[in-house]
């Protein structure tokens, strides 16, 4: 039997932990140790995006000088909304490796600029992690 693509229980936990991070109630370290992992690609993608919002070099909250930009705040809120849905994550899954990160540093990001543009072309990136604006709008209008 194949594992379900949407892990409702883990998404519910992830939404609580993400809300606490967004609201400054937990630190980056608490977020990383509490956010669920699993086979649901939405969890992996949200974790990957959220992880890029803070420094690994110190323990802090997303407040004050560490507050996300309005654009990133909006994306975090969309991540939270996406976790409340039963939609499958349809974007290509994030690919990370030490070699890939090193190559990005050495080329000042140039070698992956094309792949980032290619990734964004797979859907309506303005509403990521939703793939389609219609899905985002349908869920954004529902009371939670």
C-alpha atoms as a PDB file:
ATOM      1  CA  UNK A   1       0.000   0.000   0.000  1.00  0.00           C
ATOM      2  CA  UNK A   2       1.358   3.393  -1.029  1.00  0.00           C
ATOM      3  CA  UNK A   3       1.725   6.146   1.607  1.00  0.00           C
ATOM      4  CA  UNK A   4      -0.817   8.962   1.297  1.00  0.00           C
ATOM      5  CA  UNK A   5       0.500  12.077  -0.413  1.00  0.00           C
ATOM      6  CA  UNK A   6      -1.140  14.343   2.177  1.00  0.00           C
ATOM      7  CA  UNK A   7      -0.291  13.676   5.819  1.00  0.00           C
ATOM      8  CA  UNK A   8      -3.132  15.516   7.545  1.00  0.00           C
ATOM      9  CA  UNK A   9      -1.898  14.937  11.113  1.00  0.00           C
ATOM     10  CA  UNK A  10       1.645  16.124  10.346  1.00  0.00           C
ATOM     11  CA  UNK A  11       0.357  19.125   8.430  1.00  0.00           C
ATOM     12  CA  UNK A  12      -1.742  20.115  11.446  1.00  0.00           C
ATOM     13  CA  UNK A  13       1.317  19.930  13.705  1.00  0.00           C
ATOM     14  CA  UNK A  14       3.401  21.764  11.110  1.00  0.00           C
ATOM     15  CA  UNK A  15       0.816  24.556  10.908  1.00  0.00           C
ATOM     16  CA  UNK A  16       0.926  25.071  14.684  1.00  0.00           C
ATOM     17  CA  UNK A  17       4.728  25.135  14.755  1.00  0.00           C
ATOM     18  CA  UNK A  18       4.908  27.466  11.735  1.00  0.00           C
ATOM     19  CA  UNK A  19       2.339  29.834  13.283  1.00  0.00           C
ATOM     20  CA  UNK A  20       4.457  29.955  16.457  1.00  0.00           C
ATOM     21  CA  UNK A  21       7.553  30.785  14.371  1.00  0.00           C
ATOM     22  CA  UNK A  22       5.749  33.483  12.377  1.00  0.00           C
ATOM     23  CA  UNK A  23       4.349  35.054  15.553  1.00  0.00           C
ATOM     24  CA  UNK A  24       7.740  35.035  17.302  1.00  0.00           C
ATOM     25  CA  UNK A  25       6.653  32.592  20.027  1.00  0.00           C
ATOM     26  CA  UNK A  26       9.425  30.100  19.245  1.00  0.00           C
ATOM     27  CA  UNK A  27      13.022  30.356  18.100  1.00  0.00           C
ATOM     28  CA  UNK A  28      14.528  29.065  14.898  1.00  0.00           C
ATOM     29  CA  UNK A  29      16.035  26.128  16.813  1.00  0.00           C
ATOM     30  CA  UNK A  30      12.683  25.245  18.400  1.00  0.00           C
ATOM     31  CA  UNK A  31      11.079  25.398  14.971  1.00  0.00           C
ATOM     32  CA  UNK A  32      13.653  23.065  13.422  1.00  0.00           C
ATOM     33  CA  UNK A  33      13.330  20.530  16.225  1.00  0.00           C
ATOM     34  CA  UNK A  34       9.506  20.644  16.305  1.00  0.00           C
ATOM     35  CA  UNK A  35       8.478  20.849  12.647  1.00  0.00           C
ATOM     36  CA  UNK A  36       7.363  17.417  11.409  1.00  0.00           C
ATOM     37  CA  UNK A  37       9.148  15.552   8.648  1.00  0.00           C
ATOM     38  CA  UNK A  38       7.677  12.822   6.544  1.00  0.00           C
ATOM     39  CA  UNK A  39       6.653  11.756   3.082  1.00  0.00           C
ATOM     40  CA  UNK A  40       4.294  14.705   2.485  1.00  0.00           C
ATOM     41  CA  UNK A  41       6.192  16.936   0.028  1.00  0.00           C
ATOM     42  CA  UNK A  42       4.378  20.016   1.334  1.00  0.00           C
ATOM     43  CA  UNK A  43       6.097  19.567   4.691  1.00  0.00           C
ATOM     44  CA  UNK A  44       9.508  19.307   3.029  1.00  0.00           C
ATOM     45  CA  UNK A  45       8.897  22.382   0.885  1.00  0.00           C
ATOM     46  CA  UNK A  46       7.538  24.511   3.744  1.00  0.00           C
ATOM     47  CA  UNK A  47      10.387  23.454   6.015  1.00  0.00           C
ATOM     48  CA  UNK A  48      12.898  24.322   3.291  1.00  0.00           C
ATOM     49  CA  UNK A  49      11.378  27.768   2.727  1.00  0.00           C
ATOM     50  CA  UNK A  50      11.001  28.555   6.432  1.00  0.00           C
ATOM     51  CA  UNK A  51      14.578  27.429   7.119  1.00  0.00           C
ATOM     52  CA  UNK A  52      15.847  30.046   4.665  1.00  0.00           C
ATOM     53  CA  UNK A  53      14.174  32.799   6.714  1.00  0.00           C
ATOM     54  CA  UNK A  54      16.580  32.628   9.619  1.00  0.00           C
ATOM     55  CA  UNK A  55      20.227  32.262  10.551  1.00  0.00           C
ATOM     56  CA  UNK A  56      21.660  28.918  11.605  1.00  0.00           C
ATOM     57  CA  UNK A  57      24.497  30.711  13.348  1.00  0.00           C
ATOM     58  CA  UNK A  58      22.468  31.922  16.337  1.00  0.00           C
ATOM     59  CA  UNK A  59      19.228  31.272  18.160  1.00  0.00           C
ATOM     60  CA  UNK A  60      16.590  33.928  17.479  1.00  0.00           C
ATOM     61  CA  UNK A  61      12.945  34.578  16.672  1.00  0.00           C
ATOM     62  CA  UNK A  62      11.535  36.163  13.516  1.00  0.00           C
ATOM     63  CA  UNK A  63      11.061  39.491  15.263  1.00  0.00           C
ATOM     64  CA  UNK A  64      12.781  42.872  15.227  1.00  0.00           C
ATOM     65  CA  UNK A  65      15.765  42.931  12.898  1.00  0.00           C
ATOM     66  CA  UNK A  66      15.062  39.279  12.045  1.00  0.00           C
ATOM     67  CA  UNK A  67      11.497  39.928  10.874  1.00  0.00           C
ATOM     68  CA  UNK A  68      10.778  38.680   7.362  1.00  0.00           C
ATOM     69  CA  UNK A  69      10.216  41.183   4.571  1.00  0.00           C
ATOM     70  CA  UNK A  70       6.550  41.784   3.681  1.00  0.00           C
ATOM     71  CA  UNK A  71       6.955  39.532   0.618  1.00  0.00           C
ATOM     72  CA  UNK A  72       8.438  36.695   2.666  1.00  0.00           C
ATOM     73  CA  UNK A  73       5.851  37.223   5.401  1.00  0.00           C
ATOM     74  CA  UNK A  74       3.116  36.804   2.784  1.00  0.00           C
ATOM     75  CA  UNK A  75       4.755  33.609   1.545  1.00  0.00           C
ATOM     76  CA  UNK A  76       4.990  32.256   5.107  1.00  0.00           C
ATOM     77  CA  UNK A  77       1.273  32.992   5.548  1.00  0.00           C
ATOM     78  CA  UNK A  78       0.529  31.155   2.278  1.00  0.00           C
ATOM     79  CA  UNK A  79       2.584  28.206   3.565  1.00  0.00           C
ATOM     80  CA  UNK A  80       0.448  28.198   6.686  1.00  0.00           C
ATOM     81  CA  UNK A  81      -2.713  28.300   4.592  1.00  0.00           C
ATOM     82  CA  UNK A  82      -1.438  25.516   2.322  1.00  0.00           C
ATOM     83  CA  UNK A  83      -0.795  23.269   5.324  1.00  0.00           C
ATOM     84  CA  UNK A  84      -4.473  23.656   6.261  1.00  0.00           C
ATOM     85  CA  UNK A  85      -5.544  22.208   2.896  1.00  0.00           C
ATOM     86  CA  UNK A  86      -5.648  18.663   1.598  1.00  0.00           C
ATOM     87  CA  UNK A  87      -4.061  19.741  -1.683  1.00  0.00           C
ATOM     88  CA  UNK A  88      -1.063  17.770  -2.874  1.00  0.00           C
ATOM     89  CA  UNK A  89       2.142  19.762  -3.254  1.00  0.00           C
ATOM     90  CA  UNK A  90       2.567  19.881  -7.038  1.00  0.00           C
ATOM     91  CA  UNK A  91       5.742  21.910  -7.463  1.00  0.00           C
ATOM     92  CA  UNK A  92       8.970  20.027  -8.158  1.00  0.00           C
ATOM     93  CA  UNK A  93      10.420  18.887  -4.842  1.00  0.00           C
ATOM     94  CA  UNK A  94      13.354  20.899  -3.499  1.00  0.00           C
ATOM     95  CA  UNK A  95      16.758  19.391  -4.282  1.00  0.00           C
ATOM     96  CA  UNK A  96      19.614  20.114  -1.928  1.00  0.00           C
ATOM     97  CA  UNK A  97      23.101  18.792  -1.586  1.00  0.00           C
ATOM     98  CA  UNK A  98      26.364  20.075  -0.172  1.00  0.00           C
ATOM     99  CA  UNK A  99      27.918  20.039  -3.656  1.00  0.00           C
ATOM    100  CA  UNK A 100      25.004  22.021  -5.086  1.00  0.00           C
ATOM    101  CA  UNK A 101      25.243  24.611  -2.306  1.00  0.00           C
ATOM    102  CA  UNK A 102      29.012  24.901  -2.772  1.00  0.00           C
ATOM    103  CA  UNK A 103      28.607  25.355  -6.534  1.00  0.00           C
ATOM    104  CA  UNK A 104      26.032  28.082  -5.907  1.00  0.00           C
ATOM    105  CA  UNK A 105      28.445  29.925  -3.592  1.00  0.00           C
ATOM    106  CA  UNK A 106      31.373  29.567  -5.992  1.00  0.00           C
ATOM    107  CA  UNK A 107      29.411  30.867  -8.980  1.00  0.00           C
ATOM    108  CA  UNK A 108      27.628  33.546  -6.914  1.00  0.00           C
ATOM    109  CA  UNK A 109      24.343  31.836  -7.722  1.00  0.00           C
ATOM    110  CA  UNK A 110      24.716  32.168 -11.492  1.00  0.00           C
ATOM    111  CA  UNK A 111      24.698  28.460 -12.241  1.00  0.00           C
ATOM    112  CA  UNK A 112      21.245  28.000 -10.680  1.00  0.00           C
ATOM    113  CA  UNK A 113      19.574  31.180 -11.916  1.00  0.00           C
ATOM    114  CA  UNK A 114      18.198  29.324 -14.942  1.00  0.00           C
ATOM    115  CA  UNK A 115      16.969  26.418 -12.845  1.00  0.00           C
ATOM    116  CA  UNK A 116      15.225  28.870 -10.487  1.00  0.00           C
ATOM    117  CA  UNK A 117      13.485  30.478 -13.462  1.00  0.00           C
ATOM    118  CA  UNK A 118      12.579  27.041 -14.789  1.00  0.00           C
ATOM    119  CA  UNK A 119      11.164  26.104 -11.367  1.00  0.00           C
ATOM    120  CA  UNK A 120       9.065  29.279 -11.244  1.00  0.00           C
ATOM    121  CA  UNK A 121       7.664  28.534 -14.710  1.00  0.00           C
ATOM    122  CA  UNK A 122       6.028  25.299 -13.455  1.00  0.00           C
ATOM    123  CA  UNK A 123       3.090  27.193 -11.960  1.00  0.00           C
ATOM    124  CA  UNK A 124       1.947  30.562 -10.661  1.00  0.00           C
ATOM    125  CA  UNK A 125       4.907  31.341  -8.426  1.00  0.00           C
ATOM    126  CA  UNK A 126       3.200  34.429  -6.942  1.00  0.00           C
ATOM    127  CA  UNK A 127       0.963  32.057  -4.945  1.00  0.00           C
ATOM    128  CA  UNK A 128       3.584  29.426  -4.024  1.00  0.00           C
ATOM    129  CA  UNK A 129       3.213  26.862  -2.378  1.00  0.00           C
ATOM    130  CA  UNK A 130      -0.110  26.707  -4.218  1.00  0.00           C
ATOM    131  CA  UNK A 131       0.422  25.823  -7.857  1.00  0.00           C
ATOM    132  CA  UNK A 132      -2.602  27.699  -9.187  1.00  0.00           C
ATOM    133  CA  UNK A 133      -4.040  31.069  -8.217  1.00  0.00           C
ATOM    134  CA  UNK A 134      -7.549  29.580  -8.283  1.00  0.00           C
ATOM    135  CA  UNK A 135      -6.622  27.027  -5.600  1.00  0.00           C
ATOM    136  CA  UNK A 136      -5.074  29.750  -3.450  1.00  0.00           C
ATOM    137  CA  UNK A 137      -8.070  32.067  -3.826  1.00  0.00           C
ATOM    138  CA  UNK A 138     -10.561  29.279  -3.088  1.00  0.00           C
ATOM    139  CA  UNK A 139      -8.803  28.400   0.175  1.00  0.00           C
ATOM    140  CA  UNK A 140      -8.005  32.001   1.167  1.00  0.00           C
ATOM    141  CA  UNK A 141     -11.736  32.825   1.143  1.00  0.00           C
ATOM    142  CA  UNK A 142     -12.705  29.936   3.428  1.00  0.00           C
ATOM    143  CA  UNK A 143     -12.984  30.705   7.129  1.00  0.00           C
ATOM    144  CA  UNK A 144     -10.518  28.787   9.260  1.00  0.00           C
END
